[in-house]
PDB file of N, CA and C in Angstrom:
ATOM      1  N   MET A   1     -15.056  -5.661   5.216  1.00  0.00           N
ATOM      2  CA  MET A   1     -14.004  -6.310   5.418  1.00  0.00           C
ATOM      3  C   MET A   1     -13.504  -6.136   6.759  1.00  0.00           C
ATOM      4  N   GLY A   2     -13.144  -7.385   7.482  1.00  0.00           N
ATOM      5  CA  GLY A   2     -12.647  -7.188   8.808  1.00  0.00           C
ATOM      6  C   GLY A   2     -11.293  -6.436   8.993  1.00  0.00           C
ATOM      7  N   PHE A   3     -11.048  -6.354  10.480  1.00  0.00           N
ATOM      8  CA  PHE A   3      -9.686  -5.640  10.655  1.00  0.00           C
ATOM      9  C   PHE A   3      -8.626  -6.538  10.343  1.00  0.00           C
ATOM     10  N   LEU A   4      -8.625  -7.965  10.564  1.00  0.00           N
ATOM     11  CA  LEU A   4      -7.580  -8.799  10.295  1.00  0.00           C
ATOM     12  C   LEU A   4      -7.370  -9.029   8.997  1.00  0.00           C
ATOM     13  N   ALA A   5      -8.459  -9.010   8.023  1.00  0.00           N
ATOM     14  CA  ALA A   5      -8.422  -9.129   6.662  1.00  0.00           C
ATOM     15  C   ALA A   5      -7.774  -7.756   6.042  1.00  0.00           C
ATOM     16  N   PHE A   6      -8.017  -6.687   6.660  1.00  0.00           N
ATOM     17  CA  PHE A   6      -7.655  -5.365   6.149  1.00  0.00           C
ATOM     18  C   PHE A   6      -6.090  -5.518   6.280  1.00  0.00           C
ATOM     19  N   LEU A   7      -5.587  -5.891   7.574  1.00  0.00           N
ATOM     20  CA  LEU A   7      -4.132  -5.803   7.824  1.00  0.00           C
ATOM     21  C   LEU A   7      -3.366  -6.883   7.085  1.00  0.00           C
ATOM     22  N   LEU A   8      -3.894  -8.357   6.444  1.00  0.00           N
ATOM     23  CA  LEU A   8      -3.590  -9.035   5.603  1.00  0.00           C
ATOM     24  C   LEU A   8      -3.356  -8.559   4.289  1.00  0.00           C
ATOM     25  N   LEU A   9      -4.380  -7.666   3.820  1.00  0.00           N
ATOM     26  CA  LEU A   9      -4.330  -7.065   2.711  1.00  0.00           C
ATOM     27  C   LEU A   9      -3.335  -5.958   2.416  1.00  0.00           C
ATOM     28  N   GLY A  10      -2.998  -5.117   3.554  1.00  0.00           N
ATOM     29  CA  GLY A  10      -2.010  -4.231   3.737  1.00  0.00           C
ATOM     30  C   GLY A  10      -0.704  -4.907   3.567  1.00  0.00           C
ATOM     31  N   LEU A  11      -0.498  -5.990   4.319  1.00  0.00           N
ATOM     32  CA  LEU A  11       0.855  -6.655   4.215  1.00  0.00           C
ATOM     33  C   LEU A  11       1.127  -7.249   2.956  1.00  0.00           C
ATOM     34  N   ILE A  12       0.240  -7.777   2.146  1.00  0.00           N
ATOM     35  CA  ILE A  12       0.371  -8.482   0.902  1.00  0.00           C
ATOM     36  C   ILE A  12       0.570  -7.297  -0.299  1.00  0.00           C
ATOM     37  N   ALA A  13      -0.362  -6.205   0.027  1.00  0.00           N
ATOM     38  CA  ALA A  13      -0.314  -4.980  -1.119  1.00  0.00           C
ATOM     39  C   ALA A  13       1.219  -4.424  -0.895  1.00  0.00           C
ATOM     40  N   GLY A  14       1.597  -4.227   0.204  1.00  0.00           N
ATOM     41  CA  GLY A  14       2.826  -3.422   0.565  1.00  0.00           C
ATOM     42  C   GLY A  14       3.956  -4.393  -0.017  1.00  0.00           C
ATOM     43  N   SER A  15       3.987  -5.833   0.260  1.00  0.00           N
ATOM     44  CA  SER A  15       4.996  -6.649  -0.314  1.00  0.00           C
ATOM     45  C   SER A  15       4.926  -6.602  -1.771  1.00  0.00           C
ATOM     46  N   ILE A  16       3.772  -6.609  -2.421  1.00  0.00           N
ATOM     47  CA  ILE A  16       3.802  -6.542  -3.963  1.00  0.00           C
ATOM     48  C   ILE A  16       4.305  -5.178  -4.575  1.00  0.00           C
ATOM     49  N   ALA A  17       4.054  -4.052  -3.422  1.00  0.00           N
ATOM     50  CA  ALA A  17       4.464  -2.788  -4.188  1.00  0.00           C
ATOM     51  C   ALA A  17       6.126  -2.699  -3.974  1.00  0.00           C
ATOM     52  N   LYS A  18       6.436  -3.291  -3.022  1.00  0.00           N
ATOM     53  CA  LYS A  18       8.056  -3.336  -2.811  1.00  0.00           C
ATOM     54  C   LYS A  18       8.717  -4.184  -3.969  1.00  0.00           C
ATOM     55  N   LEU A  19       7.874  -5.034  -4.430  1.00  0.00           N
ATOM     56  CA  LEU A  19       8.530  -5.881  -5.558  1.00  0.00           C
ATOM     57  C   LEU A  19       8.330  -5.220  -6.869  1.00  0.00           C
ATOM     58  N   ILE A  20       7.386  -4.460  -6.951  1.00  0.00           N
ATOM     59  CA  ILE A  20       7.195  -3.586  -8.384  1.00  0.00           C
ATOM     60  C   ILE A  20       8.338  -2.466  -8.437  1.00  0.00           C
ATOM     61  N   LEU A  21       8.577  -1.805  -7.230  1.00  0.00           N
ATOM     62  CA  LEU A  21       9.413  -0.718  -7.377  1.00  0.00           C
ATOM     63  C   LEU A  21      10.813  -1.020  -7.223  1.00  0.00           C
ATOM     64  N   PRO A  22      11.509  -0.493  -8.337  1.00  0.00           N
ATOM     65  CA  PRO A  22      12.881  -0.875  -8.356  1.00  0.00           C
ATOM     66  C   PRO A  22      13.749  -0.488  -7.417  1.00  0.00           C
ATOM     67  N   GLY A  23      14.983  -1.049  -7.000  1.00  0.00           N
ATOM     68  CA  GLY A  23      15.888  -0.529  -5.930  1.00  0.00           C
ATOM     69  C   GLY A  23      15.635  -1.301  -4.715  1.00  0.00           C
ATOM     70  N   ARG A  24      16.519  -0.886  -3.560  1.00  0.00           N
ATOM     71  CA  ARG A  24      16.524  -1.670  -2.386  1.00  0.00           C
ATOM     72  C   ARG A  24      15.833  -0.581  -1.361  1.00  0.00           C
ATOM     73  N   GLN A  25      14.584  -1.159  -1.019  1.00  0.00           N
ATOM     74  CA  GLN A  25      13.868  -0.294   0.119  1.00  0.00           C
ATOM     75  C   GLN A  25      14.303  -0.927   1.505  1.00  0.00           C
ATOM     76  N   ASN A  26      14.540  -0.151   2.500  1.00  0.00           N
ATOM     77  CA  ASN A  26      14.880  -0.477   3.694  1.00  0.00           C
ATOM     78  C   ASN A  26      13.641  -0.903   4.570  1.00  0.00           C
ATOM     79  N   GLY A  27      13.639  -1.828   5.501  1.00  0.00           N
ATOM     80  CA  GLY A  27      12.683  -2.039   6.410  1.00  0.00           C
ATOM     81  C   GLY A  27      12.280  -3.438   6.147  1.00  0.00           C
ATOM     82  N   GLY A  28      11.635  -4.052   7.356  1.00  0.00           N
ATOM     83  CA  GLY A  28      11.426  -5.502   7.434  1.00  0.00           C
ATOM     84  C   GLY A  28       9.873  -5.610   7.179  1.00  0.00           C
ATOM     85  N   TRP A  29       9.439  -6.572   7.663  1.00  0.00           N
ATOM     86  CA  TRP A  29       8.087  -6.987   7.523  1.00  0.00           C
ATOM     87  C   TRP A  29       6.999  -6.219   8.211  1.00  0.00           C
ATOM     88  N   PHE A  30       7.238  -5.484   9.364  1.00  0.00           N
ATOM     89  CA  PHE A  30       6.554  -4.653  10.152  1.00  0.00           C
ATOM     90  C   PHE A  30       6.394  -3.271   9.430  1.00  0.00           C
ATOM     91  N   SER A  31       7.467  -2.689   8.838  1.00  0.00           N
ATOM     92  CA  SER A  31       7.587  -1.476   7.974  1.00  0.00           C
ATOM     93  C   SER A  31       6.437  -1.702   6.766  1.00  0.00           C
ATOM     94  N   THR A  32       6.749  -2.958   6.156  1.00  0.00           N
ATOM     95  CA  THR A  32       6.185  -3.296   4.882  1.00  0.00           C
ATOM     96  C   THR A  32       4.469  -3.280   5.473  1.00  0.00           C
ATOM     97  N   LEU A  33       4.161  -3.824   6.488  1.00  0.00           N
ATOM     98  CA  LEU A  33       2.850  -3.837   6.861  1.00  0.00           C
ATOM     99  C   LEU A  33       2.353  -2.377   7.203  1.00  0.00           C
ATOM    100  N   ILE A  34       2.849  -1.682   7.942  1.00  0.00           N
ATOM    101  CA  ILE A  34       2.494  -0.319   8.332  1.00  0.00           C
ATOM    102  C   ILE A  34       2.310   0.589   6.894  1.00  0.00           C
ATOM    103  N   LEU A  35       3.356   0.438   6.203  1.00  0.00           N
ATOM    104  CA  LEU A  35       3.300   1.037   4.879  1.00  0.00           C
ATOM    105  C   LEU A  35       2.130   0.559   3.933  1.00  0.00           C
ATOM    106  N   GLY A  36       2.005  -0.832   3.838  1.00  0.00           N
ATOM    107  CA  GLY A  36       0.806  -1.523   3.175  1.00  0.00           C
ATOM    108  C   GLY A  36      -0.426  -1.079   3.588  1.00  0.00           C
ATOM    109  N   VAL A  37      -0.582  -0.975   4.946  1.00  0.00           N
ATOM    110  CA  VAL A  37      -1.958  -0.531   5.457  1.00  0.00           C
ATOM    111  C   VAL A  37      -2.108   0.897   5.419  1.00  0.00           C
ATOM    112  N   VAL A  38      -1.232   1.662   5.370  1.00  0.00           N
ATOM    113  CA  VAL A  38      -1.578   3.229   5.176  1.00  0.00           C
ATOM    114  C   VAL A  38      -1.885   3.327   3.567  1.00  0.00           C
ATOM    115  N   GLY A  39      -0.809   2.570   2.654  1.00  0.00           N
ATOM    116  CA  GLY A  39      -1.158   2.537   1.278  1.00  0.00           C
ATOM    117  C   GLY A  39      -2.518   2.032   0.882  1.00  0.00           C
ATOM    118  N   ALA A  40      -3.199   1.072   1.495  1.00  0.00           N
ATOM    119  CA  ALA A  40      -4.378   0.466   1.148  1.00  0.00           C
ATOM    120  C   ALA A  40      -5.471   1.561   1.633  1.00  0.00           C
ATOM    121  N   MET A  41      -5.272   2.206   2.848  1.00  0.00           N
ATOM    122  CA  MET A  41      -6.244   3.227   3.327  1.00  0.00           C
ATOM    123  C   MET A  41      -6.206   4.336   2.375  1.00  0.00           C
ATOM    124  N   LEU A  42      -5.022   4.664   1.823  1.00  0.00           N
ATOM    125  CA  LEU A  42      -5.074   5.933   0.863  1.00  0.00           C
ATOM    126  C   LEU A  42      -5.432   5.495  -0.573  1.00  0.00           C
ATOM    127  N   GLY A  43      -5.332   4.356  -0.905  1.00  0.00           N
ATOM    128  CA  GLY A  43      -5.779   3.898  -2.232  1.00  0.00           C
ATOM    129  C   GLY A  43      -7.389   3.704  -2.154  1.00  0.00           C
ATOM    130  N   GLY A  44      -7.737   3.108  -0.822  1.00  0.00           N
ATOM    131  CA  GLY A  44      -9.236   3.148  -0.887  1.00  0.00           C
ATOM    132  C   GLY A  44      -9.815   4.325  -0.911  1.00  0.00           C
ATOM    133  N   TRP A  45      -9.336   5.407  -0.144  1.00  0.00           N
ATOM    134  CA  TRP A  45      -9.875   6.734  -0.272  1.00  0.00           C
ATOM    135  C   TRP A  45      -9.883   7.399  -1.670  1.00  0.00           C
ATOM    136  N   LEU A  46      -8.619   7.384  -2.379  1.00  0.00           N
ATOM    137  CA  LEU A  46      -8.596   7.850  -3.735  1.00  0.00           C
ATOM    138  C   LEU A  46      -9.310   7.121  -4.658  1.00  0.00           C
ATOM    139  N   GLY A  47      -9.569   5.853  -4.357  1.00  0.00           N
ATOM    140  CA  GLY A  47     -10.639   5.053  -5.452  1.00  0.00           C
ATOM    141  C   GLY A  47     -11.858   5.412  -5.149  1.00  0.00           C
ATOM    142  N   SER A  48     -12.241   5.564  -3.933  1.00  0.00           N
ATOM    143  CA  SER A  48     -13.686   5.965  -3.662  1.00  0.00           C
ATOM    144  C   SER A  48     -14.065   7.452  -4.102  1.00  0.00           C
ATOM    145  N   VAL A  49     -13.123   8.225  -4.101  1.00  0.00           N
ATOM    146  CA  VAL A  49     -13.130   9.703  -4.453  1.00  0.00           C
ATOM    147  C   VAL A  49     -13.079   9.719  -5.945  1.00  0.00           C
ATOM    148  N   LEU A  50     -12.040   9.272  -6.669  1.00  0.00           N
ATOM    149  CA  LEU A  50     -11.706   9.468  -7.965  1.00  0.00           C
ATOM    150  C   LEU A  50     -12.712   8.513  -8.912  1.00  0.00           C
ATOM    151  N   PHE A  51     -12.490   7.261  -8.765  1.00  0.00           N
ATOM    152  CA  PHE A  51     -13.258   6.309  -9.499  1.00  0.00           C
ATOM    153  C   PHE A  51     -14.410   5.525  -8.987  1.00  0.00           C
ATOM    154  N   ASN A  52     -14.770   6.071  -7.708  1.00  0.00           N
ATOM    155  CA  ASN A  52     -16.080   5.263  -7.100  1.00  0.00           C
ATOM    156  C   ASN A  52     -15.891   3.706  -6.913  1.00  0.00           C
ATOM    157  N   ALA A  53     -14.566   3.535  -6.555  1.00  0.00           N
ATOM    158  CA  ALA A  53     -14.215   2.180  -6.529  1.00  0.00           C
ATOM    159  C   ALA A  53     -13.452   1.920  -5.041  1.00  0.00           C
ATOM    160  N   PRO A  54     -14.012   1.948  -3.962  1.00  0.00           N
ATOM    161  CA  PRO A  54     -13.730   1.596  -2.651  1.00  0.00           C
ATOM    162  C   PRO A  54     -13.363   0.194  -2.372  1.00  0.00           C
ATOM    163  N   LEU A  55     -12.465   0.147  -1.147  1.00  0.00           N
ATOM    164  CA  LEU A  55     -12.129  -1.185  -0.664  1.00  0.00           C
ATOM    165  C   LEU A  55     -13.403  -1.913  -0.257  1.00  0.00           C
ATOM    166  N   GLU A  56     -13.878  -2.914  -0.971  1.00  0.00           N
ATOM    167  CA  GLU A  56     -15.278  -3.724  -0.498  1.00  0.00           C
ATOM    168  C   GLU A  56     -15.081  -5.068  -0.099  1.00  0.00           C
ATOM    169  N   GLU A  57     -14.599  -5.949  -0.830  1.00  0.00           N
ATOM    170  CA  GLU A  57     -14.317  -7.335  -0.496  1.00  0.00           C
ATOM    171  C   GLU A  57     -12.875  -7.814  -0.682  1.00  0.00           C
ATOM    172  N   PHE A  58     -12.541  -8.666   0.164  1.00  0.00           N
ATOM    173  CA  PHE A  58     -11.235  -9.201   0.230  1.00  0.00           C
ATOM    174  C   PHE A  58     -10.507  -9.854  -1.100  1.00  0.00           C
ATOM    175  N   PHE A  59     -11.687 -10.733  -1.722  1.00  0.00           N
ATOM    176  CA  PHE A  59     -11.228 -11.211  -2.911  1.00  0.00           C
ATOM    177  C   PHE A  59     -11.556 -10.740  -4.219  1.00  0.00           C
ATOM    178  N   SER A  60     -11.838  -9.201  -4.296  1.00  0.00           N
ATOM    179  CA  SER A  60     -12.164  -8.586  -5.337  1.00  0.00           C
ATOM    180  C   SER A  60     -10.963  -7.968  -5.932  1.00  0.00           C
ATOM    181  N   ILE A  61     -10.766  -8.206  -7.349  1.00  0.00           N
ATOM    182  CA  ILE A  61      -9.624  -7.492  -7.951  1.00  0.00           C
ATOM    183  C   ILE A  61      -9.710  -5.987  -7.941  1.00  0.00           C
ATOM    184  N   GLN A  62     -10.697  -5.495  -7.873  1.00  0.00           N
ATOM    185  CA  GLN A  62     -10.811  -4.073  -7.755  1.00  0.00           C
ATOM    186  C   GLN A  62     -10.209  -3.519  -6.246  1.00  0.00           C
ATOM    187  N   THR A  63     -10.619  -4.184  -5.185  1.00  0.00           N
ATOM    188  CA  THR A  63      -9.819  -4.041  -3.912  1.00  0.00           C
ATOM    189  C   THR A  63      -8.149  -4.206  -4.013  1.00  0.00           C
ATOM    190  N   TRP A  64      -7.818  -5.072  -4.622  1.00  0.00           N
ATOM    191  CA  TRP A  64      -6.201  -5.499  -4.662  1.00  0.00           C
ATOM    192  C   TRP A  64      -5.591  -4.249  -5.524  1.00  0.00           C
ATOM    193  N   LEU A  65      -6.330  -3.900  -6.522  1.00  0.00           N
ATOM    194  CA  LEU A  65      -5.632  -3.006  -7.486  1.00  0.00           C
ATOM    195  C   LEU A  65      -5.486  -1.463  -6.856  1.00  0.00           C
ATOM    196  N   VAL A  66      -6.524  -1.304  -6.073  1.00  0.00           N
ATOM    197  CA  VAL A  66      -6.646   0.065  -5.345  1.00  0.00           C
ATOM    198  C   VAL A  66      -5.645   0.042  -4.302  1.00  0.00           C
ATOM    199  N   ALA A  67      -5.504  -1.150  -3.587  1.00  0.00           N
ATOM    200  CA  ALA A  67      -4.559  -1.257  -2.381  1.00  0.00           C
ATOM    201  C   ALA A  67      -3.245  -1.063  -2.777  1.00  0.00           C
ATOM    202  N   ILE A  68      -2.902  -1.750  -3.924  1.00  0.00           N
ATOM    203  CA  ILE A  68      -1.513  -1.915  -4.381  1.00  0.00           C
ATOM    204  C   ILE A  68      -1.042  -0.522  -4.888  1.00  0.00           C
ATOM    205  N   GLY A  69      -2.205   0.011  -5.771  1.00  0.00           N
ATOM    206  CA  GLY A  69      -1.786   1.454  -6.135  1.00  0.00           C
ATOM    207  C   GLY A  69      -1.692   2.462  -4.923  1.00  0.00           C
ATOM    208  N   GLY A  70      -2.316   2.165  -3.962  1.00  0.00           N
ATOM    209  CA  GLY A  70      -2.018   3.175  -2.876  1.00  0.00           C
ATOM    210  C   GLY A  70      -0.732   2.958  -2.171  1.00  0.00           C
ATOM    211  N   SER A  71      -0.349   1.606  -1.958  1.00  0.00           N
ATOM    212  CA  SER A  71       0.977   1.191  -1.448  1.00  0.00           C
ATOM    213  C   SER A  71       2.071   1.716  -2.324  1.00  0.00           C
ATOM    214  N   LEU A  72       1.851   1.616  -3.675  1.00  0.00           N
ATOM    215  CA  LEU A  72       3.116   2.337  -4.449  1.00  0.00           C
ATOM    216  C   LEU A  72       3.321   3.645  -4.182  1.00  0.00           C
ATOM    217  N   ILE A  73       2.091   4.490  -4.005  1.00  0.00           N
ATOM    218  CA  ILE A  73       2.280   6.112  -3.673  1.00  0.00           C
ATOM    219  C   ILE A  73       3.012   6.096  -2.723  1.00  0.00           C
ATOM    220  N   VAL A  74       2.477   5.496  -1.443  1.00  0.00           N
ATOM    221  CA  VAL A  74       3.052   5.541  -0.092  1.00  0.00           C
ATOM    222  C   VAL A  74       4.822   5.130   0.006  1.00  0.00           C
ATOM    223  N   LEU A  75       4.946   4.034  -0.881  1.00  0.00           N
ATOM    224  CA  LEU A  75       6.301   3.756  -0.826  1.00  0.00           C
ATOM    225  C   LEU A  75       7.363   4.685  -1.602  1.00  0.00           C
ATOM    226  N   LEU A  76       6.591   5.385  -2.782  1.00  0.00           N
ATOM    227  CA  LEU A  76       7.320   6.296  -3.350  1.00  0.00           C
ATOM    228  C   LEU A  76       7.613   7.655  -2.391  1.00  0.00           C
ATOM    229  N   ILE A  77       6.590   8.186  -1.728  1.00  0.00           N
ATOM    230  CA  ILE A  77       6.774   9.155  -0.868  1.00  0.00           C
ATOM    231  C   ILE A  77       7.701   8.930   0.191  1.00  0.00           C
ATOM    232  N   TYR A  78       7.758   7.585   0.784  1.00  0.00           N
ATOM    233  CA  TYR A  78       8.519   7.064   1.990  1.00  0.00           C
ATOM    234  C   TYR A  78       9.977   7.173   1.344  1.00  0.00           C
ATOM    235  N   GLY A  79      10.173   6.521   0.216  1.00  0.00           N
ATOM    236  CA  GLY A  79      11.531   6.498  -0.451  1.00  0.00           C
ATOM    237  C   GLY A  79      12.014   7.885  -0.532  1.00  0.00           C
ATOM    238  N   ALA A  80      11.233   8.669  -1.041  1.00  0.00           N
ATOM    239  CA  ALA A  80      11.676  10.166  -1.305  1.00  0.00           C
ATOM    240  C   ALA A  80      12.140  10.786  -0.083  1.00  0.00           C
ATOM    241  N   LEU A  81      11.386  10.582   0.996  1.00  0.00           N
ATOM    242  CA  LEU A  81      11.736  11.097   2.239  1.00  0.00           C
ATOM    243  C   LEU A  81      13.081  10.639   2.951  1.00  0.00           C
ATOM    244  N   VAL A  82      13.106   9.227   2.859  1.00  0.00           N
ATOM    245  CA  VAL A  82      14.305   8.621   3.458  1.00  0.00           C
ATOM    246  C   VAL A  82      15.572   8.874   2.759  1.00  0.00           C
ATOM    247  N   THR A  83      15.567   8.913   1.278  1.00  0.00           N
ATOM    248  CA  THR A  83      16.648   9.137   0.503  1.00  0.00           C
ATOM    249  C   THR A  83      17.149  10.662   0.812  1.00  0.00           C
ATOM    250  N   SER A  84      16.175  11.579   0.989  1.00  0.00           N
ATOM    251  CA  SER A  84      16.581  13.003   1.087  1.00  0.00           C
ATOM    252  C   SER A  84      17.246  13.376   2.269  1.00  0.00           C
ATOM    253  N   ARG A  85      16.982  12.334   3.304  1.00  0.00           N
ATOM    254  CA  ARG A  85      17.503  12.672   4.739  1.00  0.00           C
ATOM    255  C   ARG A  85      19.143  12.048   4.889  1.00  0.00           C
ATOM    256  N   ARG A  86      19.542  11.176   3.753  1.00  0.00           N
ATOM    257  CA  ARG A  86      20.849  10.584   4.038  1.00  0.00           C
ATOM    258  C   ARG A  86      21.807  11.705   3.598  1.00  0.00           C
ATOM    259  N   PRO A  87      23.073  11.629   4.091  1.00  0.00           N
ATOM    260  CA  PRO A  87      23.963  12.619   3.564  1.00  0.00           C
ATOM    261  C   PRO A  87      24.810  12.172   2.375  1.00  0.00           C
TER     262      PRO A  87
END
């Protein structure tokens, strides 16, 4: 998968993860892109280690599920860190 396709995958996976999680998450499209790309990388790594399901092709359902799952994990961690810093 190319670099631009990976960025697009991260942006869409991050957006879907934000839609799935309840509540109001702060940040715009750039933070969604960053968290989505980090989540896609985490999901690809976890998928390859645990299930032998790495990120392979852009139009593969396996790639999308792994990327969205990783983005959900990253958004949960990010939300826990941000809310714990607020007074």
